[in-house]
């Protein structure tokens, strides 16, 4: 499973580069707002070929959905919109030790990490939490970019 933070969730970069690169047959989108919005879900699903199963769920429903995909042998990409959601999933038991960050939009007070990733103080705090829990964070837009690694610290 590829775990990825991208505030855009499903879009061309994920569908055209990450899905083929990972041979994914499943996208699991964990986002409370999107899970409750059938119209936006249907718009996002239009970007995905019917061969790829797309599941939308709330944060508190994600662990059973991830377990079901694993149990059924799905090669999944887990998509969340924020570092806070990624931390919550990992704390709840999501089994990823590598976290890809592809896009976090600019806002006042954020620091540019790459042309498409800007960290707030909360994002830096989350990065520290991941490092202290054995998760390597890789800022990488596409699988063809070199990326910037924030290696997990040894405990």
C-alpha atoms as a PDB file:
ATOM      1  CA  UNK A   1       0.000   0.000   0.000  1.00  0.00           C
ATOM      2  CA  UNK A   2       1.174   3.475  -0.864  1.00  0.00           C
ATOM      3  CA  UNK A   3       0.117   5.999   1.779  1.00  0.00           C
ATOM      4  CA  UNK A   4      -0.034   9.494   0.269  1.00  0.00           C
ATOM      5  CA  UNK A   5      -0.960  12.954   1.473  1.00  0.00           C
ATOM      6  CA  UNK A   6      -2.349  15.092  -1.323  1.00  0.00           C
ATOM      7  CA  UNK A   7      -4.831  17.844  -0.573  1.00  0.00           C
ATOM      8  CA  UNK A   8      -6.341  17.273  -4.044  1.00  0.00           C
ATOM      9  CA  UNK A   9      -6.966  13.570  -3.271  1.00  0.00           C
ATOM     10  CA  UNK A  10      -7.890  11.923  -6.617  1.00  0.00           C
ATOM     11  CA  UNK A  11      -6.566  13.753  -9.668  1.00  0.00           C
ATOM     12  CA  UNK A  12      -4.590  13.111 -12.846  1.00  0.00           C
ATOM     13  CA  UNK A  13      -1.177  12.795 -11.184  1.00  0.00           C
ATOM     14  CA  UNK A  14      -2.401   9.995  -8.945  1.00  0.00           C
ATOM     15  CA  UNK A  15      -4.358   8.218 -11.685  1.00  0.00           C
ATOM     16  CA  UNK A  16      -1.772   8.600 -14.473  1.00  0.00           C
ATOM     17  CA  UNK A  17       1.490   8.080 -12.557  1.00  0.00           C
ATOM     18  CA  UNK A  18       1.017   6.529  -9.126  1.00  0.00           C
ATOM     19  CA  UNK A  19      -1.605   3.924 -10.060  1.00  0.00           C
ATOM     20  CA  UNK A  20       0.525   2.396 -12.867  1.00  0.00           C
ATOM     21  CA  UNK A  21       3.768   2.775 -10.874  1.00  0.00           C
ATOM     22  CA  UNK A  22       2.371   0.853  -7.902  1.00  0.00           C
ATOM     23  CA  UNK A  23       0.171  -1.501  -9.967  1.00  0.00           C
ATOM     24  CA  UNK A  24      -2.668  -0.395  -7.688  1.00  0.00           C
ATOM     25  CA  UNK A  25      -6.122  -1.820  -8.253  1.00  0.00           C
ATOM     26  CA  UNK A  26      -7.747   0.126  -5.421  1.00  0.00           C
ATOM     27  CA  UNK A  27      -7.888   3.723  -4.191  1.00  0.00           C
ATOM     28  CA  UNK A  28      -8.957   4.287  -0.603  1.00  0.00           C
ATOM     29  CA  UNK A  29      -9.787   7.928   0.025  1.00  0.00           C
ATOM     30  CA  UNK A  30     -10.094   8.831   3.701  1.00  0.00           C
ATOM     31  CA  UNK A  31     -11.689  12.228   4.151  1.00  0.00           C
ATOM     32  CA  UNK A  32     -14.631  13.098   6.379  1.00  0.00           C
ATOM     33  CA  UNK A  33     -15.904  15.947   4.170  1.00  0.00           C
ATOM     34  CA  UNK A  34     -15.678  13.992   0.924  1.00  0.00           C
ATOM     35  CA  UNK A  35     -17.239  10.856   2.418  1.00  0.00           C
ATOM     36  CA  UNK A  36     -20.361  12.882   3.120  1.00  0.00           C
ATOM     37  CA  UNK A  37     -20.569  14.526  -0.315  1.00  0.00           C
ATOM     38  CA  UNK A  38     -21.945  12.182  -3.021  1.00  0.00           C
ATOM     39  CA  UNK A  39     -21.592  14.801  -5.761  1.00  0.00           C
ATOM     40  CA  UNK A  40     -17.862  15.418  -5.186  1.00  0.00           C
ATOM     41  CA  UNK A  41     -17.254  11.676  -4.844  1.00  0.00           C
ATOM     42  CA  UNK A  42     -18.891  11.048  -8.224  1.00  0.00           C
ATOM     43  CA  UNK A  43     -16.799  13.793  -9.846  1.00  0.00           C
ATOM     44  CA  UNK A  44     -13.579  12.253  -8.498  1.00  0.00           C
ATOM     45  CA  UNK A  45     -14.640   8.776  -9.605  1.00  0.00           C
ATOM     46  CA  UNK A  46     -14.924  10.058 -13.197  1.00  0.00           C
ATOM     47  CA  UNK A  47     -11.127  10.433 -13.277  1.00  0.00           C
ATOM     48  CA  UNK A  48     -10.579   6.753 -12.495  1.00  0.00           C
ATOM     49  CA  UNK A  49     -10.866   3.826 -14.901  1.00  0.00           C
ATOM     50  CA  UNK A  50     -13.585   1.314 -13.942  1.00  0.00           C
ATOM     51  CA  UNK A  51     -10.867  -1.330 -13.408  1.00  0.00           C
ATOM     52  CA  UNK A  52      -9.753   0.533 -10.264  1.00  0.00           C
ATOM     53  CA  UNK A  53     -11.986   0.177  -7.221  1.00  0.00           C
ATOM     54  CA  UNK A  54     -12.501   3.480  -5.397  1.00  0.00           C
ATOM     55  CA  UNK A  55     -13.640   3.539  -1.790  1.00  0.00           C
ATOM     56  CA  UNK A  56     -14.419   6.692   0.160  1.00  0.00           C
ATOM     57  CA  UNK A  57     -14.665   6.583   3.922  1.00  0.00           C
ATOM     58  CA  UNK A  58     -14.569   8.698   7.019  1.00  0.00           C
ATOM     59  CA  UNK A  59     -11.483   8.721   9.209  1.00  0.00           C
ATOM     60  CA  UNK A  60     -13.214   6.639  11.890  1.00  0.00           C
ATOM     61  CA  UNK A  61     -14.165   3.983   9.294  1.00  0.00           C
ATOM     62  CA  UNK A  62     -10.769   3.685   7.615  1.00  0.00           C
ATOM     63  CA  UNK A  63      -9.055   0.876   9.537  1.00  0.00           C
ATOM     64  CA  UNK A  64     -11.698  -1.769   8.712  1.00  0.00           C
ATOM     65  CA  UNK A  65     -11.731  -0.580   5.061  1.00  0.00           C
ATOM     66  CA  UNK A  66      -7.925  -0.897   4.873  1.00  0.00           C
ATOM     67  CA  UNK A  67      -8.066  -4.328   6.521  1.00  0.00           C
ATOM     68  CA  UNK A  68     -10.739  -5.458   4.051  1.00  0.00           C
ATOM     69  CA  UNK A  69      -8.628  -4.344   1.080  1.00  0.00           C
ATOM     70  CA  UNK A  70      -5.609  -6.159   2.504  1.00  0.00           C
ATOM     71  CA  UNK A  71      -7.629  -9.294   3.227  1.00  0.00           C
ATOM     72  CA  UNK A  72      -8.910  -9.301  -0.362  1.00  0.00           C
ATOM     73  CA  UNK A  73      -5.417  -8.934  -1.814  1.00  0.00           C
ATOM     74  CA  UNK A  74      -5.942  -5.412  -3.146  1.00  0.00           C
ATOM     75  CA  UNK A  75      -2.927  -3.293  -4.096  1.00  0.00           C
ATOM     76  CA  UNK A  76      -4.124  -0.009  -2.647  1.00  0.00           C
ATOM     77  CA  UNK A  77      -3.197   3.626  -2.599  1.00  0.00           C
ATOM     78  CA  UNK A  78      -4.357   5.302   0.597  1.00  0.00           C
ATOM     79  CA  UNK A  79      -5.110   8.993   0.026  1.00  0.00           C
ATOM     80  CA  UNK A  80      -5.576  11.613   2.733  1.00  0.00           C
ATOM     81  CA  UNK A  81      -5.633  15.401   2.485  1.00  0.00           C
ATOM     82  CA  UNK A  82      -3.596  16.366   5.558  1.00  0.00           C
ATOM     83  CA  UNK A  83      -0.782  15.350   7.863  1.00  0.00           C
ATOM     84  CA  UNK A  84      -3.281  15.399  10.730  1.00  0.00           C
ATOM     85  CA  UNK A  85      -5.387  12.719   9.053  1.00  0.00           C
ATOM     86  CA  UNK A  86      -2.282  10.644   8.309  1.00  0.00           C
ATOM     87  CA  UNK A  87      -1.187  10.815  11.963  1.00  0.00           C
ATOM     88  CA  UNK A  88      -4.693   9.841  13.123  1.00  0.00           C
ATOM     89  CA  UNK A  89      -4.719   6.832  10.781  1.00  0.00           C
ATOM     90  CA  UNK A  90      -1.276   5.644  11.888  1.00  0.00           C
ATOM     91  CA  UNK A  91      -2.275   6.027  15.556  1.00  0.00           C
ATOM     92  CA  UNK A  92      -5.444   4.008  14.831  1.00  0.00           C
ATOM     93  CA  UNK A  93      -3.377   1.155  13.404  1.00  0.00           C
ATOM     94  CA  UNK A  94      -2.814   1.823   9.693  1.00  0.00           C
ATOM     95  CA  UNK A  95       0.282  -0.181   8.803  1.00  0.00           C
ATOM     96  CA  UNK A  96       2.465   2.109   6.736  1.00  0.00           C
ATOM     97  CA  UNK A  97       6.118   2.893   7.400  1.00  0.00           C
ATOM     98  CA  UNK A  98       6.594   5.131   4.359  1.00  0.00           C
ATOM     99  CA  UNK A  99       4.430   8.194   3.804  1.00  0.00           C
ATOM    100  CA  UNK A 100       4.483  10.040   0.491  1.00  0.00           C
ATOM    101  CA  UNK A 101       3.562  13.732   0.463  1.00  0.00           C
ATOM    102  CA  UNK A 102       2.619  14.986  -2.968  1.00  0.00           C
ATOM    103  CA  UNK A 103       0.791  18.254  -2.464  1.00  0.00           C
ATOM    104  CA  UNK A 104      -0.042  20.560   0.420  1.00  0.00           C
ATOM    105  CA  UNK A 105      -1.223  23.982  -0.768  1.00  0.00           C
ATOM    106  CA  UNK A 106       0.368  27.263   0.216  1.00  0.00           C
ATOM    107  CA  UNK A 107      -1.200  29.379   2.944  1.00  0.00           C
ATOM    108  CA  UNK A 108       0.095  32.248   5.032  1.00  0.00           C
ATOM    109  CA  UNK A 109       2.626  31.042   7.598  1.00  0.00           C
ATOM    110  CA  UNK A 110       3.609  27.911   5.659  1.00  0.00           C
ATOM    111  CA  UNK A 111       7.170  27.085   4.571  1.00  0.00           C
ATOM    112  CA  UNK A 112       7.935  25.881   1.048  1.00  0.00           C
ATOM    113  CA  UNK A 113       9.373  22.343   1.038  1.00  0.00           C
ATOM    114  CA  UNK A 114       8.955  21.817  -2.718  1.00  0.00           C
ATOM    115  CA  UNK A 115       7.083  23.732  -5.431  1.00  0.00           C
ATOM    116  CA  UNK A 116       3.860  21.933  -4.481  1.00  0.00           C
ATOM    117  CA  UNK A 117       4.356  21.210  -0.765  1.00  0.00           C
ATOM    118  CA  UNK A 118       4.155  23.834   1.963  1.00  0.00           C
ATOM    119  CA  UNK A 119       4.397  22.889   5.657  1.00  0.00           C
ATOM    120  CA  UNK A 120       2.634  24.656   8.510  1.00  0.00           C
ATOM    121  CA  UNK A 121       3.938  24.400  12.085  1.00  0.00           C
ATOM    122  CA  UNK A 122       1.420  21.549  12.576  1.00  0.00           C
ATOM    123  CA  UNK A 123       2.866  19.731   9.556  1.00  0.00           C
ATOM    124  CA  UNK A 124       6.388  19.987  11.019  1.00  0.00           C
ATOM    125  CA  UNK A 125       5.023  18.641  14.310  1.00  0.00           C
ATOM    126  CA  UNK A 126       3.429  15.718  12.449  1.00  0.00           C
ATOM    127  CA  UNK A 127       6.726  15.086  10.641  1.00  0.00           C
ATOM    128  CA  UNK A 128       8.453  14.814  14.021  1.00  0.00           C
ATOM    129  CA  UNK A 129       5.778  12.418  15.244  1.00  0.00           C
ATOM    130  CA  UNK A 130       6.204  10.202  12.174  1.00  0.00           C
ATOM    131  CA  UNK A 131       9.991  10.170  12.532  1.00  0.00           C
ATOM    132  CA  UNK A 132       9.762   9.181  16.204  1.00  0.00           C
ATOM    133  CA  UNK A 133       7.404   6.326  15.262  1.00  0.00           C
ATOM    134  CA  UNK A 134       9.526   4.782  12.526  1.00  0.00           C
ATOM    135  CA  UNK A 135       7.752   6.299   9.522  1.00  0.00           C
ATOM    136  CA  UNK A 136       9.870   7.732   6.714  1.00  0.00           C
ATOM    137  CA  UNK A 137       8.305  10.709   4.986  1.00  0.00           C
ATOM    138  CA  UNK A 138       9.085  11.292   1.312  1.00  0.00           C
ATOM    139  CA  UNK A 139       8.041  14.526  -0.393  1.00  0.00           C
ATOM    140  CA  UNK A 140       7.597  13.440  -4.004  1.00  0.00           C
ATOM    141  CA  UNK A 141       5.092  14.648  -6.596  1.00  0.00           C
ATOM    142  CA  UNK A 142       5.449  11.746  -9.013  1.00  0.00           C
ATOM    143  CA  UNK A 143       7.368   8.469  -8.954  1.00  0.00           C
ATOM    144  CA  UNK A 144       9.751  10.015 -11.502  1.00  0.00           C
ATOM    145  CA  UNK A 145      10.828  12.855  -9.169  1.00  0.00           C
ATOM    146  CA  UNK A 146      13.835  12.302  -6.927  1.00  0.00           C
ATOM    147  CA  UNK A 147      11.906  13.484  -3.890  1.00  0.00           C
ATOM    148  CA  UNK A 148      13.117  14.682  -0.518  1.00  0.00           C
ATOM    149  CA  UNK A 149      13.320  12.086   2.227  1.00  0.00           C
ATOM    150  CA  UNK A 150      12.811  12.722   5.903  1.00  0.00           C
ATOM    151  CA  UNK A 151      14.167   9.431   7.252  1.00  0.00           C
ATOM    152  CA  UNK A 152      12.706   7.867  10.344  1.00  0.00           C
ATOM    153  CA  UNK A 153      14.872   8.250  13.426  1.00  0.00           C
ATOM    154  CA  UNK A 154      16.010   5.164  15.236  1.00  0.00           C
ATOM    155  CA  UNK A 155      14.330   4.794  18.600  1.00  0.00           C
END
